[in-house]
Structures are given as C-alpha cells and as structure tokens.
Amino acid sequence: MCSPGEAPPGPAPAGDLPPEWETDDERMAFLFSAFKQSREVNSTEWDSKMAFWVGLVLARGRRRGAVRTCLRELQNGFERRGSVPLGLGTVLRELLRRGKLQRESDFMASVDSSWISWGVGVFILKPLKWTLSSVLGDSKIPEEEEVLIYVELLQEKAEEVYRLYQSSALSSHPVVALSELRSLCAGLCPDERTFYLLLLQLQKEKRVTILEQNGEKIVKFARGLHAKVSPMNDVDIGVYQLMQSEQLLSQKVESLSQEAEKCKEDARSACRAGKKQLALRCLKSKRRTERRIEELHSKLDAVQGILDRIYASQTDQMVFNAYQAGVGALKLSMKDVTVERAENLVDQIQELCDTQDEVAQTLAGVGINGLAEMDSEELEKELDSLLQDSSKDSLDLPPAPQKVLSAPISDAELEAELEQLSVSAGDLAQKTPSASSEPKTALGLNL
C-alpha cells in the first residue's frame, strides 16, 4: 500500500488548483488526456502538458509536507468530476528521470540500513518486483501503489531533524537513544516510517550513524553542521551507558523518595489510630529507605562527576583543536616574515626617504631661465617706479573720517532714517542728469 494505516487523501482543495481547473473544460480535457507515445508527434503540446502536471505534483507534495507518495494517491488527489488524469504515470516517470522523485526501494538500497528490521510493522517486506527497478531503471512507469519519495523534501526535513536535535538538551552528548530522538521529532514526523526515512537520509549524508546495542538502537550525530560523523566507538558506548545509569539512578531516587514519604504518612496515621507498633515499623521502613536513598545519591554523584569530567575533556579537546588550527594558520601567514627581513625593509624605506629629501632640495636650488643672472640695476629702477606710483595714489585718497562711531541706534531712529532714504530716492528720480555733479550725502555723512 502507498500509505499503510492511513486513509487515502481526498481531492485537493480548490485554492491549491490552477484557475482553469473549474473554468476551462476544454483545456482540462486536454490536460487529463493521455500523453502521446512519442514526444516528437507534437513536442509543444507534450511539453505544455508535462510542465503543468510536474509543477502541480511537486507543489502538492510540498503543501502536504509528506515525503512519500504514489500514483494512486495522486490520482485521488487530482480527481475532477469523476475523472482522473490519464497521463500521471508518464509524469511520474519523467520526475524519476529528472531526479525529483525516487523509488523508496532504490533509496533504501543506496543506504546501509542493516539496523532496520524488515517485517516488524515499520516497513513492508519488498516484493520481488521492486528489485526489477534496479534493472529497468527509471524508464518503467511506477505502479499504482509503488511508494515514491520527494527527494528535495526528504533532504529538507532531514535537515530540520538535525537542527532540532542540535537545539535540544539531547545535544549535550553526540550519542542519544533512538526512542528519545523519536519523541523529540514527534511533531516533525507524522509516522514512524517517515522518521526512519529521515534517519536514512542523514545516514546517507554521513551526519549520523546508528548502532544496535543490547537490543536497543542508539544514534550518534556529527558535532557540526558541515562535519562528518565518526564511527561509533567504545568511548561513545561507555558514555551512553553512563548517561543511562544516571537516568536510572535519578528515577530510582525519585521513586524511593516517594516511598519514604508514604512510610512517614503511614506512621502518622498509625499514631492517630493508637497503633504504636505499626507506627514503629513504618518509621523503620522509612529509615531503611532513606539509607538507600543516601547510597544512591553517592553513586549518582560519582556518575555525574565522571560525566562532568568527560564533558570538560571534550571541551578541552575542542579548544586544543582550535588552538592547533590557529597556530598552523599563523605559521602559514608568517612563513616568509623574519625580524632580519623586517629590519632590512625598514632601512631601505628610510634610505629612500632620505634620497627623496635630497632630490627635492637640489631641485629647489636650480635657477630657471637665468633669473639669478638678471641685472640688479634694472631691478632697482623697477622698484623706484613702483614706489613713485604708490605715493601718487596715496595723495588722491579722501581724508579719514574723524567722527567716532556712535553706539547702536534704536528702532525708531532706523525707521526715521528709512523714511529719509525713501524721500531722497524720490527726489533723485526727478532730478536732471546735470544735477549729478553736485555733492551728495548719504546717511548724513559727507562723502
């Protein structure tokens, strides 16, 4: 079956379908018809129909968030007025050829999935005909119930599982129980089959490795987004066992604490009822339980101390690796740099600067166009003529004003002066040009 234990989904909602789905019967009749046996008959129509269904199939898978599908499920999803698309098988074959879809059987065969137990209700035992896909390749149209995988969607969801683990408390150590990881990913993986497919994808990317230890599967994650996981070793298994021991001891301490509290309450009840012997027995049982709790606390402290040292050593190892990488990078960057070469370079720079200064001084002392040989007598005559011209100009200057500037005038004075300027301007406009030779006044000052 395509989806074991699940009811096949109904038709797609109207909002997820193209506009012509309900309005253009002629167009939809063409799209629901079967493909021609050869694309060469009419490549334009063939490509148009293929592009329509390819986009619709991929969009449906992304919208539903399911990494698995099959031909039967898609036919039910795209049913229209009692009809199903006749060319969906050809569309799925094309998607298989493009690598957008992959047969589930081929995907599992590409991953070392020895930790998966077939026939236990998680996966269905592969029929013999599934093995023919490796011989026939993707040229064979998938059967109605043959499970297909959305490749890109599977990769994206596997990345979500990895990031979810990295942001959880389980990431304190790279090894985690498969059951704990399944509980963590319950909201992301709707069923156990999808969960195993996502783990297979992570294992294919070498980001996790899975080992079965004493009937229990444990998962080891890579310690970085772009790192590759190392094989499971005895240290990983030992740390995992310590973590399990810590969890069991904590649960035992909690259980004994509740038992001791119950003995205490029973002793109180016996005292109220006047049953002294029963109360004494309850108190003795309480004391024995408390001694067991103290012993378990000591063991728990020892286990936690060992785990703390292991975590500290892992941190120290990370810091050491970072220092080592930094030293290597620094050595590489300083490969051709020495103190002697640096001093030699500084001396060369200083020497060049001194040479540049000497050149500049030499150039500044050179005579241009025989200026240094000009006759001094001609220079004296030119200087005398300049002095005589300057003395004549000084005689024509008006006398310096003797009036001392008064303090700042008030607003009233400024308004009065403005009116006077307005009147003067009017008078000037009426005067003849010959009057321009008369003395003029401005602001009451003789010019």
Protein backbone atom coordinates (compact mmCIF):
# COMPACT_ATOMS: atom_id res chain seq x y z
CA MET A 1 0.00 0.00 0.00
CA CYS A 2 1.06 3.55 -0.57
CA SER A 3 0.38 4.72 2.99
CA PRO A 4 -0.07 1.81 5.39
CA GLY A 5 -2.56 2.50 8.12
CA GLU A 6 -3.60 5.82 6.58
CA ALA A 7 -6.74 6.70 4.67
CA PRO A 8 -6.04 7.92 1.16
CA PRO A 9 -6.34 11.72 0.97
CA GLY A 10 -9.25 13.22 -0.92
CA PRO A 11 -9.17 15.69 -3.79
CA ALA A 12 -7.00 18.76 -3.45
CA PRO A 13 -8.67 21.93 -2.11
CA ALA A 14 -9.86 24.35 -4.75
CA GLY A 15 -7.40 27.02 -3.61
CA ASP A 16 -4.46 24.73 -4.39
CA LEU A 17 -5.51 24.19 -8.02
CA PRO A 18 -4.93 26.46 -11.03
CA PRO A 19 -7.75 28.83 -12.10
CA GLU A 20 -8.60 26.90 -15.25
CA TRP A 21 -9.38 23.79 -13.17
CA GLU A 22 -13.05 24.76 -12.82
CA THR A 23 -13.49 27.30 -15.61
CA ASP A 24 -11.87 25.89 -18.74
CA ASP A 25 -13.31 22.46 -19.55
CA GLU A 26 -11.65 22.30 -22.95
CA ARG A 27 -8.21 22.99 -21.50
CA MET A 28 -8.70 20.48 -18.69
CA ALA A 29 -9.92 17.81 -21.10
CA PHE A 30 -6.64 18.17 -22.96
CA LEU A 31 -4.60 18.05 -19.73
CA PHE A 32 -6.48 14.97 -18.44
CA SER A 33 -5.87 13.05 -21.66
CA ALA A 34 -3.03 10.58 -22.02
CA PHE A 35 0.34 11.56 -23.43
CA LYS A 36 1.25 10.62 -26.96
CA GLN A 37 3.58 7.67 -27.21
CA SER A 38 6.27 9.86 -28.73
CA ARG A 39 7.06 13.44 -27.87
CA GLU A 40 8.10 14.05 -31.48
CA VAL A 41 4.47 13.92 -32.64
CA ASN A 42 3.75 17.34 -31.11
CA SER A 43 6.51 18.49 -28.80
CA THR A 44 4.81 21.80 -27.95
CA GLU A 45 1.65 20.19 -26.59
CA TRP A 46 3.66 17.44 -24.92
CA ASP A 47 5.91 19.92 -23.10
CA SER A 48 2.99 22.14 -22.10
CA LYS A 49 1.08 19.26 -20.54
CA MET A 50 4.20 17.91 -18.83
CA ALA A 51 5.09 21.31 -17.32
CA PHE A 52 1.54 21.68 -15.95
CA TRP A 53 1.49 18.32 -14.17
CA VAL A 54 5.11 18.43 -12.97
CA GLY A 55 4.52 21.74 -11.21
CA LEU A 56 1.23 20.53 -9.73
CA VAL A 57 2.65 17.23 -8.42
CA LEU A 58 5.67 18.89 -6.77
CA ALA A 59 3.53 21.66 -5.28
CA ARG A 60 1.11 19.13 -3.82
CA GLY A 61 3.90 17.22 -2.09
CA ARG A 62 5.39 20.39 -0.59
CA ARG A 63 2.00 21.65 0.52
CA ARG A 64 1.14 18.40 2.31
CA GLY A 65 4.63 18.08 3.79
CA ALA A 66 4.66 14.32 3.14
CA VAL A 67 7.88 12.89 1.74
CA ARG A 68 6.11 9.85 0.28
CA THR A 69 3.51 9.49 -2.43
CA CYS A 70 2.32 7.04 -5.07
CA LEU A 71 0.39 7.05 -8.30
CA ARG A 72 -2.87 6.00 -6.62
CA GLU A 73 -2.66 8.82 -4.07
CA LEU A 74 -2.03 11.41 -6.78
CA GLN A 75 -4.91 10.14 -8.90
CA ASN A 76 -7.26 10.51 -5.93
CA GLY A 77 -5.86 13.95 -5.18
CA PHE A 78 -6.35 15.26 -8.73
CA GLU A 79 -9.75 13.71 -9.41
CA ARG A 80 -12.05 16.12 -11.28
CA ARG A 81 -15.73 15.46 -11.83
CA GLY A 82 -15.24 11.72 -11.56
CA SER A 83 -12.22 11.65 -13.89
CA VAL A 84 -8.55 11.10 -13.10
CA PRO A 85 -5.56 12.28 -15.17
CA LEU A 86 -4.58 9.54 -17.60
CA GLY A 87 -1.02 10.78 -18.04
CA LEU A 88 0.12 10.86 -14.39
CA GLY A 89 2.16 7.69 -14.83
CA THR A 90 4.16 9.35 -17.60
CA VAL A 91 4.61 12.44 -15.43
CA LEU A 92 5.96 10.36 -12.54
CA ARG A 93 8.33 8.55 -14.88
CA GLU A 94 9.64 11.93 -16.06
CA LEU A 95 10.09 13.12 -12.47
CA LEU A 96 12.00 9.94 -11.71
CA ARG A 97 14.24 10.60 -14.71
CA ARG A 98 14.89 14.17 -13.55
CA GLY A 99 15.74 13.04 -10.02
CA LYS A 100 12.85 14.91 -8.39
CA LEU A 101 11.33 11.62 -7.28
CA GLN A 102 12.97 8.36 -6.28
CA ARG A 103 11.61 4.92 -5.66
CA GLU A 104 11.62 4.12 -1.97
CA SER A 105 13.16 0.73 -2.66
CA ASP A 106 16.03 2.30 -4.60
CA PHE A 107 16.60 4.86 -1.85
CA MET A 108 16.86 2.18 0.82
CA ALA A 109 19.16 0.11 -1.32
CA SER A 110 21.53 3.09 -1.61
CA VAL A 111 21.95 3.31 2.19
CA ASP A 112 23.43 0.77 4.58
CA SER A 113 20.23 0.15 6.51
CA SER A 114 21.28 -3.01 8.32
CA TRP A 115 19.89 -1.56 11.57
CA ILE A 116 16.35 -1.62 10.13
CA SER A 117 14.37 -4.76 10.89
CA TRP A 118 12.19 -5.72 7.97
CA GLY A 119 8.79 -7.23 8.56
CA VAL A 120 8.22 -5.76 12.05
CA GLY A 121 5.39 -3.45 11.08
CA VAL A 122 7.59 -0.46 10.27
CA PHE A 123 8.44 -1.36 6.68
CA ILE A 124 6.78 -3.84 4.39
CA LEU A 125 8.97 -6.59 3.02
CA LYS A 126 9.94 -5.63 -0.52
CA PRO A 127 8.20 -7.70 -3.20
CA LEU A 128 10.41 -9.33 -5.76
CA LYS A 129 9.14 -6.99 -8.47
CA TRP A 130 10.64 -4.00 -6.62
CA THR A 131 14.09 -5.34 -7.29
CA LEU A 132 13.43 -5.04 -11.03
CA SER A 133 13.73 -1.25 -10.76
CA SER A 134 17.49 -1.58 -10.46
CA VAL A 135 17.49 -3.40 -13.81
CA LEU A 136 14.87 -1.40 -15.66
CA GLY A 137 15.97 1.94 -14.22
CA ASP A 138 13.55 4.87 -14.35
CA SER A 139 12.18 4.07 -17.81
CA LYS A 140 9.43 1.97 -16.23
CA ILE A 141 6.18 3.69 -15.24
CA PRO A 142 5.67 3.17 -11.49
CA GLU A 143 2.80 1.00 -10.38
CA GLU A 144 -0.22 2.49 -8.66
CA GLU A 145 0.85 1.65 -5.11
CA GLU A 146 4.63 1.78 -5.52
CA VAL A 147 5.99 4.26 -2.97
CA LEU A 148 7.90 7.23 -4.33
CA ILE A 149 9.90 9.83 -2.39
CA TYR A 150 10.13 13.57 -2.93
CA VAL A 151 13.91 13.89 -2.94
CA GLU A 152 14.24 17.60 -2.11
CA LEU A 153 11.55 17.48 0.55
CA LEU A 154 13.23 14.49 2.20
CA GLN A 155 16.55 16.36 2.32
CA GLU A 156 14.92 19.47 3.80
CA LYS A 157 13.09 17.53 6.52
CA ALA A 158 16.26 15.59 7.37
CA GLU A 159 18.00 18.94 7.87
CA GLU A 160 15.15 20.00 10.19
CA VAL A 161 15.66 16.85 12.28
CA TYR A 162 19.36 17.60 12.60
CA ARG A 163 18.77 21.22 13.63
CA LEU A 164 16.05 20.19 16.08
CA TYR A 165 18.47 17.82 17.77
CA GLN A 166 21.24 20.45 17.88
CA SER A 167 18.94 22.93 19.65
CA SER A 168 17.67 20.40 22.21
CA ALA A 169 19.06 19.25 25.55
CA LEU A 170 19.97 15.90 23.98
CA SER A 171 22.86 17.54 22.10
CA SER A 172 24.99 17.69 25.27
CA HIS A 173 26.46 14.40 24.05
CA PRO A 174 26.53 13.14 20.45
CA VAL A 175 25.02 9.76 21.36
CA VAL A 176 21.28 9.51 22.03
CA ALA A 177 18.76 6.71 22.26
CA LEU A 178 16.61 6.21 19.17
CA SER A 179 13.44 6.23 21.30
CA GLU A 180 14.34 9.63 22.79
CA LEU A 181 15.04 11.03 19.34
CA ARG A 182 11.71 9.70 18.09
CA SER A 183 9.89 11.53 20.91
CA LEU A 184 11.78 14.72 20.09
CA CYS A 185 10.76 14.56 16.42
CA ALA A 186 7.14 13.57 17.02
CA GLY A 187 5.82 16.90 15.74
CA LEU A 188 8.02 16.84 12.64
CA CYS A 189 7.50 13.21 11.61
CA PRO A 190 3.83 12.21 11.41
CA ASP A 191 4.59 8.48 11.37
CA GLU A 192 7.41 6.13 12.23
CA ARG A 193 8.08 5.25 8.61
CA THR A 194 8.82 8.86 7.70
CA PHE A 195 11.05 9.13 10.78
CA TYR A 196 13.16 6.18 9.61
CA LEU A 197 13.39 7.61 6.10
CA LEU A 198 14.73 10.89 7.50
CA LEU A 199 17.32 8.99 9.56
CA LEU A 200 18.34 7.06 6.47
CA GLN A 201 18.84 10.35 4.62
CA LEU A 202 21.02 11.68 7.46
CA GLN A 203 22.95 8.42 7.45
CA LYS A 204 23.39 8.73 3.68
CA GLU A 205 24.82 12.23 4.22
CA LYS A 206 27.18 10.78 6.88
CA ARG A 207 25.75 13.03 9.56
CA VAL A 208 24.51 10.19 11.80
CA THR A 209 25.46 6.62 12.45
CA ILE A 210 23.22 4.08 14.14
CA LEU A 211 24.20 1.05 16.19
CA GLU A 212 22.13 -1.59 17.90
CA GLN A 213 23.47 -2.29 21.41
CA ASN A 214 21.85 -4.98 23.57
CA GLY A 215 18.63 -4.82 21.60
CA GLU A 216 18.46 -1.00 21.74
CA LYS A 217 19.29 1.32 18.86
CA ILE A 218 21.48 4.33 19.62
CA VAL A 219 22.21 7.23 17.30
CA LYS A 220 25.42 9.24 17.06
CA PHE A 221 25.32 12.71 15.48
CA ALA A 222 28.09 14.69 13.86
CA ARG A 223 29.40 17.54 16.03
CA GLY A 224 28.88 20.31 13.49
CA LEU A 225 26.64 21.45 10.65
CA HIS A 226 29.22 20.55 8.00
CA ALA A 227 31.10 17.82 9.87
CA LYS A 228 31.04 14.12 9.11
CA VAL A 229 30.13 11.68 11.86
CA SER A 230 32.84 9.35 13.09
CA PRO A 231 32.15 5.65 13.63
CA MET A 232 30.68 4.58 16.95
CA ASN A 233 33.49 3.59 19.33
CA ASP A 234 33.79 2.17 22.85
CA VAL A 235 34.04 5.66 24.36
CA ASP A 236 30.71 6.66 22.84
CA ILE A 237 29.06 3.49 24.07
CA GLY A 238 30.57 3.90 27.54
CA VAL A 239 29.38 7.50 27.85
CA TYR A 240 25.93 6.47 26.67
CA GLN A 241 25.81 3.76 29.31
CA LEU A 242 26.84 6.29 31.97
CA MET A 243 24.06 8.59 30.82
CA GLN A 244 21.58 5.75 31.02
CA SER A 245 22.86 4.87 34.51
CA GLU A 246 22.43 8.47 35.60
CA GLN A 247 18.87 8.48 34.33
CA LEU A 248 18.02 5.18 36.03
CA LEU A 249 19.57 6.29 39.34
CA SER A 250 17.65 9.56 39.24
CA GLN A 251 14.41 7.72 38.62
CA LYS A 252 15.19 5.27 41.45
CA VAL A 253 15.95 8.10 43.87
CA GLU A 254 12.67 9.79 42.97
CA SER A 255 10.75 6.55 43.50
CA LEU A 256 12.39 5.88 46.88
CA SER A 257 11.74 9.45 48.00
CA GLN A 258 8.05 8.97 47.34
CA GLU A 259 8.18 5.63 49.20
CA ALA A 260 9.84 7.24 52.24
CA GLU A 261 7.21 9.98 52.28
CA LYS A 262 4.49 7.34 52.17
CA CYS A 263 6.04 5.48 55.14
CA LYS A 264 6.10 8.75 57.06
CA GLU A 265 2.40 9.37 56.36
CA ASP A 266 1.56 5.75 57.35
CA ALA A 267 3.39 6.25 60.65
CA ARG A 268 1.38 9.38 61.37
CA SER A 269 -1.87 7.59 60.58
CA ALA A 270 -0.90 4.68 62.86
CA CYS A 271 -0.10 7.10 65.70
CA ARG A 272 -3.50 8.75 65.39
CA ALA A 273 -5.14 5.33 65.48
CA GLY A 274 -3.13 4.35 68.59
CA LYS A 275 -1.20 1.60 66.76
CA LYS A 276 2.23 2.17 68.19
CA GLN A 277 3.88 -0.99 66.84
CA LEU A 278 2.64 -0.32 63.32
CA ALA A 279 3.94 3.25 63.54
CA LEU A 280 7.36 1.95 64.63
CA ARG A 281 7.51 -0.46 61.72
CA CYS A 282 6.64 2.34 59.32
CA LEU A 283 9.39 4.52 60.77
CA LYS A 284 11.92 1.69 60.49
CA SER A 285 10.94 1.19 56.85
CA LYS A 286 11.32 4.93 56.32
CA ARG A 287 14.83 4.86 57.83
CA ARG A 288 15.88 1.95 55.59
CA THR A 289 14.52 3.74 52.53
CA GLU A 290 16.40 6.92 53.45
CA ARG A 291 19.66 4.98 53.82
CA ARG A 292 19.14 3.50 50.36
CA ILE A 293 18.48 6.98 49.01
CA GLU A 294 21.75 8.22 50.54
CA GLU A 295 23.65 5.33 48.93
CA LEU A 296 22.06 6.01 45.56
CA HIS A 297 22.86 9.71 45.92
CA SER A 298 26.51 8.85 46.43
CA LYS A 299 26.54 6.66 43.33
CA LEU A 300 24.66 9.30 41.35
CA ASP A 301 27.16 11.95 42.39
CA ALA A 302 30.02 9.71 41.26
CA VAL A 303 28.39 9.08 37.85
CA GLN A 304 27.64 12.79 37.38
CA GLY A 305 31.20 13.65 38.33
CA ILE A 306 32.55 11.27 35.69
CA LEU A 307 30.20 12.72 33.08
CA ASP A 308 31.23 16.27 34.00
CA ARG A 309 34.88 15.33 33.54
CA ILE A 310 34.09 13.73 30.18
CA TYR A 311 32.23 16.83 29.01
CA ALA A 312 35.08 19.03 30.27
CA SER A 313 37.62 16.89 28.41
CA GLN A 314 35.57 17.19 25.24
CA THR A 315 35.52 20.97 25.64
CA ASP A 316 39.25 20.99 26.28
CA GLN A 317 39.77 18.90 23.17
CA MET A 318 37.73 21.37 21.10
CA VAL A 319 39.76 24.30 22.47
CA PHE A 320 43.01 22.42 21.85
CA ASN A 321 41.99 21.72 18.25
CA ALA A 322 41.09 25.38 17.79
CA TYR A 323 44.46 26.49 19.19
CA GLN A 324 46.25 23.99 16.98
CA ALA A 325 44.42 25.24 13.90
CA GLY A 326 45.21 28.83 14.88
CA VAL A 327 48.90 28.09 15.32
CA GLY A 328 49.03 26.37 11.95
CA ALA A 329 47.33 29.31 10.25
CA LEU A 330 49.66 31.79 11.99
CA LYS A 331 52.74 29.83 10.93
CA LEU A 332 51.49 29.78 7.37
CA SER A 333 50.82 33.52 7.34
CA MET A 334 54.26 34.29 8.88
CA LYS A 335 56.10 31.82 6.70
CA ASP A 336 58.29 34.36 4.87
CA VAL A 337 58.46 37.02 7.62
CA THR A 338 61.56 37.31 9.90
CA VAL A 339 62.95 40.03 12.16
CA GLU A 340 66.04 40.45 9.97
CA ARG A 341 63.98 40.90 6.82
CA ALA A 342 61.71 43.39 8.60
CA GLU A 343 64.72 45.47 9.79
CA ASN A 344 66.22 45.40 6.31
CA LEU A 345 62.92 46.57 4.84
CA VAL A 346 62.70 49.49 7.32
CA ASP A 347 66.31 50.53 6.49
CA GLN A 348 65.51 50.53 2.78
CA ILE A 349 62.45 52.70 3.35
CA GLN A 350 64.47 55.21 5.42
CA GLU A 351 67.20 55.33 2.81
CA LEU A 352 64.69 56.01 0.05
CA CYS A 353 63.06 58.79 2.10
CA ASP A 354 66.46 60.48 2.66
CA THR A 355 67.24 60.26 -1.04
CA GLN A 356 63.87 61.81 -1.88
CA ASP A 357 64.53 64.74 0.50
CA GLU A 358 67.95 65.40 -1.06
CA VAL A 359 66.49 65.37 -4.57
CA ALA A 360 63.78 67.85 -3.54
CA GLN A 361 66.35 70.23 -2.01
CA THR A 362 68.54 70.02 -5.13
CA LEU A 363 65.64 70.79 -7.42
CA ALA A 364 64.60 73.78 -5.28
CA GLY A 365 68.04 75.46 -5.68
CA VAL A 366 68.22 75.35 -9.51
CA GLY A 367 67.91 78.76 -11.37
CA ILE A 368 65.13 78.88 -14.01
CA ASN A 369 65.52 80.96 -17.26
CA GLY A 370 68.63 82.79 -15.97
CA LEU A 371 66.66 84.57 -13.23
CA ALA A 372 69.67 84.53 -10.91
CA GLU A 373 71.74 86.43 -13.55
CA MET A 374 69.24 89.28 -14.06
CA ASP A 375 70.79 92.72 -13.82
CA SER A 376 70.40 94.18 -10.32
CA GLU A 377 70.29 97.74 -11.67
CA GLU A 378 67.14 97.05 -13.68
CA LEU A 379 65.51 95.62 -10.57
CA GLU A 380 66.39 98.78 -8.62
CA LYS A 381 64.83 101.02 -11.31
CA GLU A 382 61.63 98.94 -11.38
CA LEU A 383 61.36 99.14 -7.59
CA ASP A 384 61.75 103.01 -7.64
CA SER A 385 58.99 103.36 -10.24
CA LEU A 386 56.66 101.26 -8.13
CA LEU A 387 57.34 103.41 -5.06
CA GLN A 388 56.58 106.65 -7.01
CA ASP A 389 53.28 105.26 -8.31
CA SER A 390 52.22 104.23 -4.83
CA SER A 391 52.96 107.78 -3.44
CA LYS A 392 50.78 109.42 -6.10
CA ASP A 393 47.88 107.15 -5.33
CA SER A 394 48.09 108.00 -1.65
CA LEU A 395 47.60 111.76 -2.38
CA ASP A 396 44.20 111.20 -4.05
CA LEU A 397 42.70 109.33 -1.12
CA PRO A 398 39.86 111.10 0.79
CA PRO A 399 40.56 112.18 4.33
CA ALA A 400 39.93 109.64 7.03
CA PRO A 401 36.66 110.19 8.89
CA GLN A 402 37.18 111.95 12.23
CA LYS A 403 33.78 111.13 13.62
CA VAL A 404 33.75 108.31 16.10
CA LEU A 405 31.07 105.68 15.56
CA SER A 406 28.29 106.07 17.97
CA ALA A 407 26.51 103.41 19.90
CA PRO A 408 23.91 101.24 18.16
CA ILE A 409 20.86 103.29 17.17
CA SER A 410 17.32 102.43 18.19
CA ASP A 411 14.47 101.05 16.09
CA ALA A 412 12.77 104.47 15.96
CA GLU A 413 15.91 106.07 14.57
CA LEU A 414 16.20 103.32 11.94
CA GLU A 415 12.57 103.91 10.84
CA ALA A 416 13.18 107.66 10.55
CA GLU A 417 16.31 107.10 8.51
CA LEU A 418 14.42 104.70 6.27
CA GLU A 419 11.74 107.38 5.57
CA GLN A 420 14.50 109.88 4.78
CA LEU A 421 16.04 107.43 2.32
CA SER A 422 12.65 106.96 0.65
CA VAL A 423 12.24 110.74 0.21
CA SER A 424 15.78 111.09 -1.13
CA ALA A 425 15.17 108.33 -3.62
CA GLY A 426 12.07 110.14 -4.88
CA ASP A 427 13.96 113.41 -5.28
CA LEU A 428 16.78 111.71 -7.17
CA ALA A 429 14.34 110.26 -9.63
CA GLN A 430 13.03 113.78 -10.51
CA LYS A 431 16.43 115.47 -10.90
CA THR A 432 18.05 116.10 -14.29
CA PRO A 433 21.30 114.39 -15.27
CA SER A 434 23.21 117.69 -14.87
CA ALA A 435 22.47 117.67 -11.15
CA SER A 436 24.63 114.62 -10.68
CA SER A 437 27.75 116.76 -10.36
CA GLU A 438 26.50 118.34 -7.10
CA PRO A 439 27.80 116.98 -3.81
CA LYS A 440 25.78 114.08 -2.48
CA THR A 441 25.08 112.93 1.04
CA ALA A 442 24.25 109.53 2.34
CA LEU A 443 23.05 108.77 5.83
CA GLY A 444 24.13 112.28 6.95
CA LEU A 445 27.84 111.69 6.28
CA ASN A 446 29.90 113.77 3.82
CA LEU A 447 31.36 111.51 1.16
